PDB file of N, CA and C in Angstrom:
ATOM      1  N   PRO A   1      67.700  85.680  43.503  1.00  0.00           N
ATOM      2  CA  PRO A   1      67.982  86.566  44.637  1.00  0.00           C
ATOM      3  C   PRO A   1      69.357  86.272  45.219  1.00  0.00           C
ATOM      4  N   GLN A   2      69.990  87.324  45.710  1.00  0.00           N
ATOM      5  CA  GLN A   2      71.309  87.147  46.314  1.00  0.00           C
ATOM      6  C   GLN A   2      71.150  86.755  47.779  1.00  0.00           C
ATOM      7  N   TYR A   3      71.999  85.852  48.206  1.00  0.00           N
ATOM      8  CA  TYR A   3      71.986  85.447  49.605  1.00  0.00           C
ATOM      9  C   TYR A   3      73.194  86.065  50.300  1.00  0.00           C
ATOM     10  N   ALA A   4      72.929  86.695  51.413  1.00  0.00           N
ATOM     11  CA  ALA A   4      74.018  87.318  52.166  1.00  0.00           C
ATOM     12  C   ALA A   4      74.864  86.229  52.808  1.00  0.00           C
ATOM     13  N   ALA A   5      76.097  86.567  53.054  1.00  0.00           N
ATOM     14  CA  ALA A   5      76.968  85.641  53.773  1.00  0.00           C
ATOM     15  C   ALA A   5      76.397  85.455  55.176  1.00  0.00           C
ATOM     16  N   PRO A   6      76.674  84.305  55.778  1.00  0.00           N
ATOM     17  CA  PRO A   6      76.154  84.099  57.151  1.00  0.00           C
ATOM     18  C   PRO A   6      76.616  85.220  58.077  1.00  0.00           C
ATOM     19  N   ALA A   7      75.716  85.664  58.899  1.00  0.00           N
ATOM     20  CA  ALA A   7      76.054  86.732  59.847  1.00  0.00           C
ATOM     21  C   ALA A   7      77.083  86.205  60.840  1.00  0.00           C
ATOM     22  N   PRO A   8      77.962  87.083  61.312  1.00  0.00           N
ATOM     23  CA  PRO A   8      78.919  86.620  62.330  1.00  0.00           C
ATOM     24  C   PRO A   8      78.171  86.171  63.585  1.00  0.00           C
ATOM     25  N   ARG A   9      78.783  85.206  64.249  1.00  0.00           N
ATOM     26  CA  ARG A   9      78.156  84.712  65.485  1.00  0.00           C
ATOM     27  C   ARG A   9      78.105  85.823  66.515  1.00  0.00           C
ATOM     28  N   LEU A  10      76.924  86.071  67.040  1.00  0.00           N
ATOM     29  CA  LEU A  10      76.771  87.112  68.045  1.00  0.00           C
ATOM     30  C   LEU A  10      76.785  86.527  69.448  1.00  0.00           C
ATOM     31  N   GLU A  11      76.392  85.285  69.566  1.00  0.00           N
ATOM     32  CA  GLU A  11      76.305  84.672  70.895  1.00  0.00           C
ATOM     33  C   GLU A  11      77.485  83.732  71.109  1.00  0.00           C
ATOM     34  N   PRO A  12      78.151  83.858  72.254  1.00  0.00           N
ATOM     35  CA  PRO A  12      79.238  82.915  72.545  1.00  0.00           C
ATOM     36  C   PRO A  12      78.662  81.526  72.789  1.00  0.00           C
ATOM     37  N   ASP A  13      79.472  80.511  72.556  1.00  0.00           N
ATOM     38  CA  ASP A  13      78.966  79.167  72.803  1.00  0.00           C
ATOM     39  C   ASP A  13      78.993  78.851  74.295  1.00  0.00           C
ATOM     40  N   CYS A  14      78.391  77.739  74.623  1.00  0.00           N
ATOM     41  CA  CYS A  14      78.252  77.340  76.033  1.00  0.00           C
ATOM     42  C   CYS A  14      79.606  77.230  76.726  1.00  0.00           C
ATOM     43  N   GLY A  15      80.577  76.673  76.039  1.00  0.00           N
ATOM     44  CA  GLY A  15      81.904  76.517  76.633  1.00  0.00           C
ATOM     45  C   GLY A  15      82.523  77.853  77.001  1.00  0.00           C
ATOM     46  N   GLU A  16      82.364  78.831  76.110  1.00  0.00           N
ATOM     47  CA  GLU A  16      82.909  80.161  76.403  1.00  0.00           C
ATOM     48  C   GLU A  16      82.239  80.758  77.634  1.00  0.00           C
ATOM     49  N   LEU A  17      80.928  80.600  77.706  1.00  0.00           N
ATOM     50  CA  LEU A  17      80.199  81.150  78.853  1.00  0.00           C
ATOM     51  C   LEU A  17      80.621  80.471  80.146  1.00  0.00           C
ATOM     52  N   LEU A  18      80.816  79.159  80.091  1.00  0.00           N
ATOM     53  CA  LEU A  18      81.233  78.435  81.296  1.00  0.00           C
ATOM     54  C   LEU A  18      82.626  78.864  81.735  1.00  0.00           C
ATOM     55  N   ARG A  19      83.529  79.058  80.773  1.00  0.00           N
ATOM     56  CA  ARG A  19      84.878  79.511  81.124  1.00  0.00           C
ATOM     57  C   ARG A  19      84.840  80.917  81.718  1.00  0.00           C
ATOM     58  N   ALA A  20      84.043  81.784  81.105  1.00  0.00           N
ATOM     59  CA  ALA A  20      83.930  83.150  81.628  1.00  0.00           C
ATOM     60  C   ALA A  20      83.345  83.122  83.034  1.00  0.00           C
ATOM     61  N   ASN A  21      82.337  82.286  83.243  1.00  0.00           N
ATOM     62  CA  ASN A  21      81.711  82.184  84.560  1.00  0.00           C
ATOM     63  C   ASN A  21      82.717  81.674  85.588  1.00  0.00           C
ATOM     64  N   SER A  22      83.519  80.695  85.186  1.00  0.00           N
ATOM     65  CA  SER A  22      84.530  80.150  86.090  1.00  0.00           C
ATOM     66  C   SER A  22      85.534  81.228  86.485  1.00  0.00           C
ATOM     67  N   ARG A  23      85.981  82.022  85.496  1.00  0.00           N
ATOM     68  CA  ARG A  23      86.922  83.103  85.804  1.00  0.00           C
ATOM     69  C   ARG A  23      86.293  84.114  86.756  1.00  0.00           C
ATOM     70  N   LEU A  24      85.035  84.437  86.523  1.00  0.00           N
ATOM     71  CA  LEU A  24      84.363  85.403  87.393  1.00  0.00           C
ATOM     72  C   LEU A  24      84.199  84.859  88.807  1.00  0.00           C
ATOM     73  N   GLU A  25      83.901  83.571  88.929  1.00  0.00           N
ATOM     74  CA  GLU A  25      83.770  82.963  90.256  1.00  0.00           C
ATOM     75  C   GLU A  25      85.106  83.000  90.996  1.00  0.00           C
ATOM     76  N   GLU A  26      86.202  82.723  90.279  1.00  0.00           N
ATOM     77  CA  GLU A  26      87.529  82.782  90.905  1.00  0.00           C
ATOM     78  C   GLU A  26      87.836  84.201  91.368  1.00  0.00           C
ATOM     79  N   GLU A  27      87.541  85.172  90.520  1.00  0.00           N
ATOM     80  CA  GLU A  27      87.791  86.569  90.866  1.00  0.00           C
ATOM     81  C   GLU A  27      86.937  86.982  92.065  1.00  0.00           C
ATOM     82  N   LYS A  28      85.687  86.524  92.089  1.00  0.00           N
ATOM     83  CA  LYS A  28      84.792  86.831  93.208  1.00  0.00           C
ATOM     84  C   LYS A  28      85.372  86.287  94.511  1.00  0.00           C
ATOM     85  N   GLY A  29      85.844  85.049  94.491  1.00  0.00           N
ATOM     86  CA  GLY A  29      86.440  84.460  95.688  1.00  0.00           C
ATOM     87  C   GLY A  29      87.662  85.234  96.149  1.00  0.00           C
ATOM     88  N   ARG A  30      88.507  85.622  95.178  1.00  0.00           N
ATOM     89  CA  ARG A  30      89.708  86.381  95.518  1.00  0.00           C
ATOM     90  C   ARG A  30      89.333  87.719  96.147  1.00  0.00           C
ATOM     91  N   LEU A  31      88.342  88.396  95.574  1.00  0.00           N
ATOM     92  CA  LEU A  31      87.925  89.690  96.109  1.00  0.00           C
ATOM     93  C   LEU A  31      87.281  89.547  97.486  1.00  0.00           C
ATOM     94  N   GLU A  32      86.541  88.460  97.697  1.00  0.00           N
ATOM     95  CA  GLU A  32      85.946  88.238  99.020  1.00  0.00           C
ATOM     96  C   GLU A  32      87.037  88.033 100.069  1.00  0.00           C
ATOM     97  N   ARG A  33      88.069  87.258  99.724  1.00  0.00           N
ATOM     98  CA  ARG A  33      89.179  87.050 100.667  1.00  0.00           C
ATOM     99  C   ARG A  33      89.909  88.360 100.938  1.00  0.00           C
ATOM    100  N   GLU A  34      90.118  89.140  99.884  1.00  0.00           N
ATOM    101  CA  GLU A  34      90.786  90.434 100.046  1.00  0.00           C
ATOM    102  C   GLU A  34      89.950  91.356 100.930  1.00  0.00           C
ATOM    103  N   ASN A  35      88.637  91.330 100.733  1.00  0.00           N
ATOM    104  CA  ASN A  35      87.741  92.159 101.536  1.00  0.00           C
ATOM    105  C   ASN A  35      87.811  91.768 103.011  1.00  0.00           C
ATOM    106  N   GLU A  36      87.839  90.458 103.287  1.00  0.00           N
ATOM    107  CA  GLU A  36      87.950  89.993 104.675  1.00  0.00           C
ATOM    108  C   GLU A  36      89.258  90.468 105.299  1.00  0.00           C
ATOM    109  N   GLU A  37      90.348  90.355 104.538  1.00  0.00           N
ATOM    110  CA  GLU A  37      91.655  90.787 105.038  1.00  0.00           C
ATOM    111  C   GLU A  37      91.646  92.284 105.318  1.00  0.00           C
ATOM    112  N   LEU A  38      91.069  93.068 104.415  1.00  0.00           N
ATOM    113  CA  LEU A  38      91.002  94.517 104.633  1.00  0.00           C
ATOM    114  C   LEU A  38      90.147  94.846 105.854  1.00  0.00           C
ATOM    115  N   GLY A  39      89.086  94.087 106.066  1.00  0.00           N
ATOM    116  CA  GLY A  39      88.259  94.291 107.250  1.00  0.00           C
ATOM    117  C   GLY A  39      89.043  94.032 108.526  1.00  0.00           C
ATOM    118  N   ARG A  40      89.863  92.959 108.513  1.00  0.00           N
ATOM    119  CA  ARG A  40      90.697  92.663 109.686  1.00  0.00           C
ATOM    120  C   ARG A  40      91.714  93.772 109.920  1.00  0.00           C
ATOM    121  N   ARG A  41      92.315  94.260 108.839  1.00  0.00           N
ATOM    122  CA  ARG A  41      93.303  95.334 108.981  1.00  0.00           C
ATOM    123  C   ARG A  41      92.652  96.608 109.500  1.00  0.00           C
ATOM    124  N   LEU A  42      91.448  96.898 109.031  1.00  0.00           N
ATOM    125  CA  LEU A  42      90.736  98.086 109.505  1.00  0.00           C
ATOM    126  C   LEU A  42      90.442  97.973 110.996  1.00  0.00           C
ATOM    127  N   GLU A  43      89.981  96.799 111.417  1.00  0.00           N
ATOM    128  CA  GLU A  43      89.686  96.583 112.835  1.00  0.00           C
ATOM    129  C   GLU A  43      90.954  96.735 113.670  1.00  0.00           C
ATOM    130  N   SER A  44      92.047  96.161 113.185  1.00  0.00           N
ATOM    131  CA  SER A  44      93.320  96.258 113.892  1.00  0.00           C
ATOM    132  C   SER A  44      93.770  97.712 113.995  1.00  0.00           C
ATOM    133  N   SER A  45      93.621  98.459 112.906  1.00  0.00           N
ATOM    134  CA  SER A  45      94.002  99.875 112.921  1.00  0.00           C
ATOM    135  C   SER A  45      93.132 100.666 113.890  1.00  0.00           C
ATOM    136  N   ALA A  46      91.846 100.375 113.908  1.00  0.00           N
ATOM    137  CA  ALA A  46      90.939 101.081 114.817  1.00  0.00           C
ATOM    138  C   ALA A  46      91.326 100.808 116.269  1.00  0.00           C
ATOM    139  N   GLN A  47      91.702  99.551 116.565  1.00  0.00           N
ATOM    140  CA  GLN A  47      92.127  99.217 117.927  1.00  0.00           C
ATOM    141  C   GLN A  47      93.419  99.945 118.283  1.00  0.00           C
ATOM    142  N   GLU A  48      94.345 100.019 117.336  1.00  0.00           N
ATOM    143  CA  GLU A  48      95.611 100.705 117.576  1.00  0.00           C
ATOM    144  C   GLU A  48      95.370 102.199 117.818  1.00  0.00           C
ATOM    145  N   ILE A  49      94.491 102.802 117.035  1.00  0.00           N
ATOM    146  CA  ILE A  49      94.165 104.224 117.225  1.00  0.00           C
ATOM    147  C   ILE A  49      93.560 104.445 118.609  1.00  0.00           C
ATOM    148  N   ALA A  50      92.643 103.573 119.002  1.00  0.00           N
ATOM    149  CA  ALA A  50      92.026 103.703 120.324  1.00  0.00           C
ATOM    150  C   ALA A  50      93.084 103.573 121.419  1.00  0.00           C
ATOM    151  N   ARG A  51      94.018 102.631 121.238  1.00  0.00           N
ATOM    152  CA  ARG A  51      95.076 102.434 122.232  1.00  0.00           C
ATOM    153  C   ARG A  51      95.965 103.679 122.321  1.00  0.00           C
ATOM    154  N   LEU A  52      96.338 104.229 121.183  1.00  0.00           N
ATOM    155  CA  LEU A  52      97.193 105.416 121.182  1.00  0.00           C
ATOM    156  C   LEU A  52      96.480 106.619 121.796  1.00  0.00           C
ATOM    157  N   ARG A  53      95.198 106.758 121.485  1.00  0.00           N
ATOM    158  CA  ARG A  53      94.439 107.869 122.063  1.00  0.00           C
ATOM    159  C   ARG A  53      94.351 107.725 123.576  1.00  0.00           C
ATOM    160  N   ALA A  54      94.126 106.497 124.035  1.00  0.00           N
ATOM    161  CA  ALA A  54      94.023 106.264 125.475  1.00  0.00           C
ATOM    162  C   ALA A  54      95.354 106.580 126.162  1.00  0.00           C
ATOM    163  N   ALA A  55      96.458 106.255 125.509  1.00  0.00           N
ATOM    164  CA  ALA A  55      97.774 106.516 126.092  1.00  0.00           C
ATOM    165  C   ALA A  55      98.082 108.013 126.095  1.00  0.00           C
ATOM    166  N   ARG A  56      97.647 108.713 125.065  1.00  0.00           N
ATOM    167  CA  ARG A  56      97.939 110.145 124.943  1.00  0.00           C
ATOM    168  C   ARG A  56      96.989 111.011 125.744  1.00  0.00           C
ATOM    169  N   CYS A  57      95.740 110.589 125.812  1.00  0.00           N
ATOM    170  CA  CYS A  57      94.704 111.410 126.448  1.00  0.00           C
ATOM    171  C   CYS A  57      94.063 110.620 127.579  1.00  0.00           C
ATOM    172  N   PRO A  58      94.663 110.657 128.761  1.00  0.00           N
ATOM    173  CA  PRO A  58      94.070 109.902 129.872  1.00  0.00           C
ATOM    174  C   PRO A  58      92.676 110.426 130.191  1.00  0.00           C
ATOM    175  N   PRO A  59      91.795 109.532 130.638  1.00  0.00           N
ATOM    176  CA  PRO A  59      90.429 109.965 130.975  1.00  0.00           C
ATOM    177  C   PRO A  59      90.452 111.069 132.026  1.00  0.00           C
ATOM    178  N   GLY A  60      89.584 112.042 131.853  1.00  0.00           N
ATOM    179  CA  GLY A  60      89.487 113.135 132.822  1.00  0.00           C
ATOM    180  C   GLY A  60      90.462 114.257 132.561  1.00  0.00           C
ATOM    181  N   GLY A  61      91.410 114.035 131.653  1.00  0.00           N
ATOM    182  CA  GLY A  61      92.377 115.084 131.341  1.00  0.00           C
ATOM    183  C   GLY A  61      91.793 116.073 130.347  1.00  0.00           C
ATOM    184  N   GLU A  62      92.442 117.198 130.219  1.00  0.00           N
ATOM    185  CA  GLU A  62      92.013 118.161 129.213  1.00  0.00           C
ATOM    186  C   GLU A  62      92.516 117.674 127.857  1.00  0.00           C
ATOM    187  N   GLY A  63      91.567 117.399 126.914  1.00  0.00           N
ATOM    188  CA  GLY A  63      91.913 116.819 125.635  1.00  0.00           C
ATOM    189  C   GLY A  63      92.654 117.728 124.771  1.00  0.00           C
TER     190      GLY A  63
END
């Protein structure tokens, strides 16, 4: 009987998985920091919009 050549490796080894996991953890941390920064910028923008609206449209005035 003929024996087929060994099948190509389908599963990455442990080291590859650990490296991939490490890269993903680093990316996750970077994205979390970016998300926090964007949240701060959004809050700052919302405060600026409220300030500008208050300056332009005094309470009790015709909007």
